[in-house]
Amino acid sequence: MPNQIIAIEEHFTSPHLRKVIAPRTGPIQALLDEMGGQRIKDMDEAGIDVAVLSENNPAAHNLDPEASVALAKASNDFLYEQIQANPKRFKGFAALPLPDPKAAADELERGVTKLGLLGAMIMGTSKGQFIDDKKFWPVFERAAKLDVPVYIHPSPVKPALVEAFFKEHGAGLQGSPLGFGLETLTHTFRLITSGLLDQYPTLRIVVGHLGETAPFTLWRTDHNLAKVMKLPKSFSDYYKTHFWLTTSGAFSNSALACAIAEMGIERIMFAVDWPYINNALGTKWLKAAPISYTDRALIFEGNAKKLLKI
């Protein structure tokens, strides 16, 4: 086994954002609020040594600009305090005030250079707007300059899509069973077709859930997109150059095999998506997955250490 197991999509709710984004109670929210005993206990029982923490969805994405800036800063300061209190167990991704893109870029820089955070977790759309829009490009410019990755996390699909796609199926399909994946797959593919990666050729992007089916569909997207849209490089070239995938909430041997075959073992990292998924479910699965010792060590530890400079 590797020397360490590092999980890089593990969530919390800061007390500053609690009343705004999580005015609810329940067992999942109680775990998101918990930054000590139960969180560490769950990590220990699963054999996870390091958790890279990120503010829970939607973080500060859907607030007015002034509140977003203040609460993203407060969230990152809180995360810094938790890391300082438990530096061997916790690392973190910055929350960004996307409603003010210039302030978001500055907060990313503060998070990385002053607080020691490892990049940013972007919780999908901001007020329903995809962040391939050029007004958000200063965030990606700063990430490229700082040489840190941006992790694109799902957000709920727009109300119009809920009405069109899921109305007759209640809440069952519109979240993590299908809707979240559609939102993130669309989001990440739009980053490519927007020209963003031509503008910032060193930008690195992380996507959870083994790419939200992207590895499975790359050939078809590549082949058919080339007929209607001329990009400087092939679509799959962009994806395989700029994207890394994590296992968060996608503990499937066949999906893992597809992701490795398309992306290469160096582009796959371990994550759980705690507390929505049980830590032990993730580590037990990957320890038994039909891959080599060397590949398992890269997924559990080596690739994250290299990308995140841990």
Protein backbone atom coordinates (compact mmCIF):
# COMPACT_ATOMS: atom_id res chain seq x y z
CA MET A 1 0.00 0.00 0.00
CA PRO A 2 1.09 3.65 -0.36
CA ASN A 3 2.69 5.51 2.52
CA GLN A 4 -0.41 7.70 2.76
CA ILE A 5 -3.97 7.80 1.50
CA ILE A 6 -5.02 11.27 0.39
CA ALA A 7 -8.69 12.09 -0.31
CA ILE A 8 -9.22 15.36 -2.15
CA GLU A 9 -12.98 16.08 -2.37
CA GLU A 10 -14.11 16.16 1.23
CA HIS A 11 -16.54 18.82 2.38
CA PHE A 12 -17.41 21.04 5.32
CA THR A 13 -19.68 23.97 6.09
CA SER A 14 -18.08 26.99 7.73
CA PRO A 15 -19.99 28.69 10.54
CA HIS A 16 -19.98 31.95 8.58
CA LEU A 17 -21.84 30.47 5.62
CA ARG A 18 -23.93 28.07 7.70
CA LYS A 19 -27.01 30.28 8.02
CA VAL A 20 -26.87 31.32 4.38
CA ILE A 21 -26.27 28.06 2.49
CA ALA A 22 -27.35 25.46 5.03
CA PRO A 23 -30.39 26.61 7.03
CA ARG A 24 -31.25 23.03 7.85
CA THR A 25 -30.52 20.21 10.23
CA GLY A 26 -29.94 16.51 9.74
CA PRO A 27 -27.21 13.88 9.96
CA ILE A 28 -25.32 14.97 6.81
CA GLN A 29 -25.31 18.61 7.83
CA ALA A 30 -24.14 17.64 11.32
CA LEU A 31 -21.11 15.94 9.74
CA LEU A 32 -20.44 18.94 7.50
CA ASP A 33 -20.41 21.13 10.61
CA GLU A 34 -18.05 18.75 12.43
CA MET A 35 -14.35 19.52 12.12
CA GLY A 36 -12.84 17.24 14.73
CA GLY A 37 -13.87 14.01 16.38
CA GLN A 38 -16.26 12.25 14.01
CA ARG A 39 -14.52 13.48 10.87
CA ILE A 40 -11.15 12.21 12.10
CA LYS A 41 -12.72 9.00 13.40
CA ASP A 42 -14.23 8.29 9.98
CA MET A 43 -10.89 8.98 8.32
CA ASP A 44 -9.05 6.71 10.74
CA GLU A 45 -11.50 3.84 10.31
CA ALA A 46 -11.07 4.04 6.53
CA GLY A 47 -7.30 4.49 6.64
CA ILE A 48 -7.36 8.00 5.15
CA ASP A 49 -4.37 10.03 6.28
CA VAL A 50 -5.05 13.40 4.64
CA ALA A 51 -8.32 15.05 3.61
CA VAL A 52 -8.30 18.06 1.29
CA LEU A 53 -11.31 20.03 2.50
CA SER A 54 -13.64 22.32 0.58
CA GLU A 55 -16.64 24.45 1.51
CA ASN A 56 -19.86 22.65 0.71
CA ASN A 57 -22.01 23.52 -2.31
CA PRO A 58 -22.91 26.23 -3.23
CA ALA A 59 -20.27 27.97 -1.09
CA ALA A 60 -20.42 31.72 -1.83
CA HIS A 61 -21.46 31.36 -5.48
CA ASN A 62 -25.06 32.54 -5.31
CA LEU A 63 -24.80 35.58 -3.04
CA ASP A 64 -24.64 39.24 -3.95
CA PRO A 65 -21.05 40.31 -4.70
CA GLU A 66 -20.36 42.10 -1.40
CA ALA A 67 -21.64 39.25 0.77
CA SER A 68 -19.90 36.70 -1.42
CA VAL A 69 -16.51 38.39 -0.97
CA ALA A 70 -16.89 38.68 2.80
CA LEU A 71 -18.16 35.13 3.34
CA ALA A 72 -15.65 33.45 1.02
CA LYS A 73 -12.87 35.21 2.90
CA ALA A 74 -14.37 34.13 6.24
CA SER A 75 -14.69 30.55 4.98
CA ASN A 76 -11.06 30.44 3.89
CA ASP A 77 -9.88 31.92 7.18
CA PHE A 78 -11.91 29.29 9.04
CA LEU A 79 -10.44 26.53 6.87
CA TYR A 80 -6.93 27.85 7.53
CA GLU A 81 -7.61 27.66 11.28
CA GLN A 82 -8.76 24.05 10.98
CA ILE A 83 -5.67 23.11 9.00
CA GLN A 84 -3.41 24.82 11.51
CA ALA A 85 -5.10 22.88 14.30
CA ASN A 86 -4.63 19.58 12.46
CA PRO A 87 -1.87 20.12 9.88
CA LYS A 88 -1.04 16.44 9.37
CA ARG A 89 -4.64 15.49 8.56
CA PHE A 90 -6.13 18.48 6.71
CA LYS A 91 -5.31 20.50 3.60
CA GLY A 92 -7.73 22.71 1.71
CA PHE A 93 -9.12 24.28 -1.44
CA ALA A 94 -10.17 27.93 -1.39
CA ALA A 95 -13.78 29.02 -1.71
CA LEU A 96 -14.14 31.87 -4.20
CA PRO A 97 -16.57 34.83 -4.40
CA LEU A 98 -17.42 34.23 -8.06
CA PRO A 99 -20.13 36.93 -8.22
CA ASP A 100 -17.16 39.35 -8.14
CA PRO A 101 -14.64 37.70 -10.50
CA LYS A 102 -11.78 40.14 -9.82
CA ALA A 103 -12.20 39.67 -6.08
CA ALA A 104 -12.39 35.89 -6.67
CA ALA A 105 -9.02 35.96 -8.41
CA ASP A 106 -7.56 38.00 -5.56
CA GLU A 107 -9.05 35.65 -2.96
CA LEU A 108 -7.54 32.68 -4.76
CA GLU A 109 -4.14 34.35 -4.60
CA ARG A 110 -4.58 35.18 -0.91
CA GLY A 111 -5.68 31.63 -0.18
CA VAL A 112 -2.66 30.14 -1.91
CA THR A 113 0.07 32.59 -0.92
CA LYS A 114 -1.09 33.60 2.58
CA LEU A 115 -3.12 30.61 3.81
CA GLY A 116 -1.31 27.73 2.11
CA LEU A 117 -4.38 26.43 0.28
CA LEU A 118 -3.78 24.15 -2.69
CA GLY A 119 -6.04 25.68 -5.33
CA ALA A 120 -9.76 26.38 -5.59
CA MET A 121 -12.97 24.39 -5.48
CA ILE A 122 -15.53 25.95 -7.83
CA MET A 123 -19.02 24.78 -6.99
CA GLY A 124 -20.40 24.72 -10.50
CA THR A 125 -22.36 27.64 -11.86
CA SER A 126 -22.57 31.04 -10.18
CA LYS A 127 -26.14 32.31 -9.98
CA GLY A 128 -26.91 29.85 -12.76
CA GLN A 129 -24.14 31.17 -15.03
CA PHE A 130 -21.48 28.87 -16.43
CA ILE A 131 -18.00 30.11 -15.68
CA ASP A 132 -16.69 29.73 -19.22
CA ASP A 133 -18.10 33.27 -19.63
CA LYS A 134 -15.17 35.62 -20.18
CA LYS A 135 -16.03 37.70 -17.14
CA PHE A 136 -14.80 34.76 -15.02
CA TRP A 137 -11.54 34.29 -16.92
CA PRO A 138 -9.50 36.39 -14.42
CA VAL A 139 -9.96 33.50 -11.96
CA PHE A 140 -8.44 31.02 -14.39
CA GLU A 141 -5.71 33.47 -15.35
CA ARG A 142 -4.73 33.75 -11.69
CA ALA A 143 -4.85 29.98 -11.17
CA ALA A 144 -2.50 29.51 -14.13
CA LYS A 145 -0.18 32.22 -12.82
CA LEU A 146 -0.13 30.63 -9.36
CA ASP A 147 0.29 27.16 -10.91
CA VAL A 148 -2.56 25.67 -8.89
CA PRO A 149 -5.52 23.58 -10.09
CA VAL A 150 -9.18 24.48 -10.17
CA TYR A 151 -11.58 21.72 -9.11
CA ILE A 152 -14.97 21.91 -10.85
CA HIS A 153 -17.69 20.51 -8.59
CA PRO A 154 -21.35 19.92 -9.51
CA SER A 155 -24.14 22.35 -8.78
CA PRO A 156 -27.88 21.82 -9.22
CA VAL A 157 -29.19 22.10 -12.77
CA LYS A 158 -31.08 25.24 -13.71
CA PRO A 159 -34.79 25.38 -12.84
CA ALA A 160 -35.71 25.38 -16.55
CA LEU A 161 -33.88 22.07 -16.96
CA VAL A 162 -35.52 20.62 -13.88
CA GLU A 163 -38.86 21.51 -15.48
CA ALA A 164 -37.92 20.12 -18.89
CA PHE A 165 -35.96 17.02 -17.87
CA PHE A 166 -37.11 15.91 -14.44
CA LYS A 167 -40.59 17.26 -13.77
CA GLU A 168 -42.29 13.87 -14.00
CA HIS A 169 -39.67 12.14 -11.84
CA GLY A 170 -39.70 14.23 -8.68
CA ALA A 171 -36.37 14.91 -7.02
CA GLY A 172 -35.01 11.45 -7.76
CA LEU A 173 -32.95 12.09 -10.88
CA GLN A 174 -32.24 15.81 -10.71
CA GLY A 175 -29.45 15.58 -8.13
CA SER A 176 -26.51 13.21 -7.87
CA PRO A 177 -28.16 10.27 -9.71
CA LEU A 178 -28.11 12.24 -13.00
CA GLY A 179 -28.60 16.03 -12.87
CA PHE A 180 -25.33 16.90 -11.14
CA GLY A 181 -23.38 14.86 -13.65
CA LEU A 182 -25.09 16.50 -16.62
CA GLU A 183 -24.35 19.94 -15.18
CA THR A 184 -20.66 19.24 -14.59
CA LEU A 185 -20.10 17.40 -17.86
CA THR A 186 -21.62 20.35 -19.70
CA HIS A 187 -19.62 22.80 -17.64
CA THR A 188 -16.27 21.15 -18.22
CA PHE A 189 -16.87 20.62 -21.95
CA ARG A 190 -17.84 24.30 -22.31
CA LEU A 191 -14.51 25.29 -20.78
CA ILE A 192 -12.85 23.61 -23.75
CA THR A 193 -15.07 24.96 -26.52
CA SER A 194 -14.97 28.50 -25.05
CA GLY A 195 -11.30 28.89 -25.96
CA LEU A 196 -10.26 29.21 -22.31
CA LEU A 197 -7.54 26.58 -22.58
CA ASP A 198 -5.99 28.23 -25.62
CA GLN A 199 -5.77 31.45 -23.64
CA TYR A 200 -4.25 29.72 -20.57
CA PRO A 201 -2.36 26.69 -21.87
CA THR A 202 -0.92 25.72 -18.46
CA LEU A 203 -4.29 25.68 -16.67
CA ARG A 204 -5.07 22.45 -14.80
CA ILE A 205 -8.62 21.36 -13.98
CA VAL A 206 -9.83 18.60 -11.67
CA VAL A 207 -13.21 16.88 -12.04
CA GLY A 208 -14.74 14.40 -9.62
CA HIS A 209 -16.85 11.28 -10.13
CA LEU A 210 -14.35 9.94 -12.68
CA GLY A 211 -15.11 12.78 -15.05
CA GLU A 212 -18.93 12.57 -15.00
CA THR A 213 -18.86 10.07 -17.92
CA ALA A 214 -16.37 12.15 -19.94
CA PRO A 215 -13.89 9.29 -20.52
CA PHE A 216 -16.69 7.12 -21.90
CA THR A 217 -17.85 9.76 -24.38
CA LEU A 218 -14.56 11.38 -25.44
CA TRP A 219 -14.23 9.59 -28.76
CA ARG A 220 -17.77 10.39 -29.85
CA THR A 221 -17.55 14.03 -28.75
CA ASP A 222 -14.19 14.39 -30.47
CA HIS A 223 -15.32 12.78 -33.73
CA ASN A 224 -18.61 14.62 -34.08
CA LEU A 225 -17.55 18.01 -32.74
CA ALA A 226 -14.80 18.20 -35.38
CA LYS A 227 -17.52 18.20 -38.06
CA VAL A 228 -19.18 21.37 -36.75
CA MET A 229 -16.54 23.28 -34.76
CA LYS A 230 -12.93 23.95 -35.66
CA LEU A 231 -10.70 24.04 -32.60
CA PRO A 232 -6.90 24.57 -32.72
CA LYS A 233 -6.51 21.06 -31.24
CA SER A 234 -8.80 18.09 -31.00
CA PHE A 235 -11.33 18.10 -28.17
CA SER A 236 -9.77 15.00 -26.62
CA ASP A 237 -6.31 16.59 -26.76
CA TYR A 238 -7.58 19.46 -24.63
CA TYR A 239 -9.25 17.11 -22.18
CA LYS A 240 -6.29 14.78 -21.80
CA THR A 241 -3.86 17.70 -21.45
CA HIS A 242 -5.72 19.88 -18.98
CA PHE A 243 -7.92 17.58 -16.89
CA TRP A 244 -7.36 15.29 -13.90
CA LEU A 245 -10.12 13.05 -12.54
CA THR A 246 -10.95 11.82 -9.06
CA THR A 247 -12.84 8.77 -7.85
CA SER A 248 -15.24 10.75 -5.65
CA GLY A 249 -18.54 8.92 -5.37
CA ALA A 250 -17.76 6.67 -8.35
CA PHE A 251 -16.44 3.39 -6.96
CA SER A 252 -16.78 1.24 -10.07
CA ASN A 253 -14.06 -1.03 -11.45
CA SER A 254 -15.28 -0.70 -15.03
CA ALA A 255 -15.55 3.11 -14.83
CA LEU A 256 -12.05 3.24 -13.32
CA ALA A 257 -10.70 1.05 -16.13
CA CYS A 258 -12.24 3.36 -18.74
CA ALA A 259 -10.83 6.46 -17.04
CA ILE A 260 -7.35 4.97 -16.85
CA ALA A 261 -7.51 3.79 -20.46
CA GLU A 262 -8.52 7.23 -21.74
CA MET A 263 -6.58 9.53 -19.42
CA GLY A 264 -3.59 7.51 -18.23
CA ILE A 265 -2.96 6.41 -14.66
CA GLU A 266 -1.17 9.67 -13.82
CA ARG A 267 -4.43 11.61 -14.20
CA ILE A 268 -6.52 9.69 -11.64
CA MET A 269 -6.66 10.62 -7.93
CA PHE A 270 -8.53 9.30 -4.93
CA ALA A 271 -11.46 11.13 -3.38
CA VAL A 272 -14.53 10.03 -1.44
CA ASP A 273 -17.03 12.97 -1.42
CA TRP A 274 -17.45 12.75 2.36
CA PRO A 275 -19.88 12.98 4.10
CA TYR A 276 -22.17 12.13 1.20
CA ILE A 277 -20.28 8.89 0.65
CA ASN A 278 -18.78 6.69 3.35
CA ASN A 279 -14.98 6.89 3.61
CA ALA A 280 -14.52 3.17 4.17
CA LEU A 281 -16.57 2.36 1.08
CA GLY A 282 -14.02 4.24 -1.01
CA THR A 283 -10.82 2.87 0.47
CA LYS A 284 -12.13 -0.70 0.60
CA TRP A 285 -13.07 -0.50 -3.08
CA LEU A 286 -9.77 0.88 -4.33
CA LYS A 287 -7.70 -1.51 -2.22
CA ALA A 288 -9.48 -4.40 -3.94
CA ALA A 289 -9.68 -2.90 -7.43
CA PRO A 290 -8.03 -4.99 -10.20
CA ILE A 291 -5.05 -2.68 -10.72
CA SER A 292 -1.37 -3.02 -9.92
CA TYR A 293 0.27 -2.05 -6.64
CA THR A 294 2.07 0.78 -8.43
CA ASP A 295 -1.12 2.14 -9.98
CA ARG A 296 -2.99 1.93 -6.67
CA ALA A 297 -0.23 3.92 -4.94
CA LEU A 298 -0.40 6.60 -7.64
CA ILE A 299 -4.17 6.97 -7.25
CA PHE A 300 -4.13 6.92 -3.46
CA GLU A 301 -1.16 9.24 -3.02
CA GLY A 302 1.38 9.90 -5.73
CA ASN A 303 -0.71 11.77 -8.27
CA ALA A 304 -2.26 14.10 -5.69
CA LYS A 305 1.10 14.87 -4.14
CA LYS A 306 2.48 15.80 -7.54
CA LEU A 307 -0.48 17.90 -8.75
CA LEU A 308 -1.18 19.62 -5.44
CA LYS A 309 2.47 19.88 -4.35
CA ILE A 310 1.76 18.28 -1.00
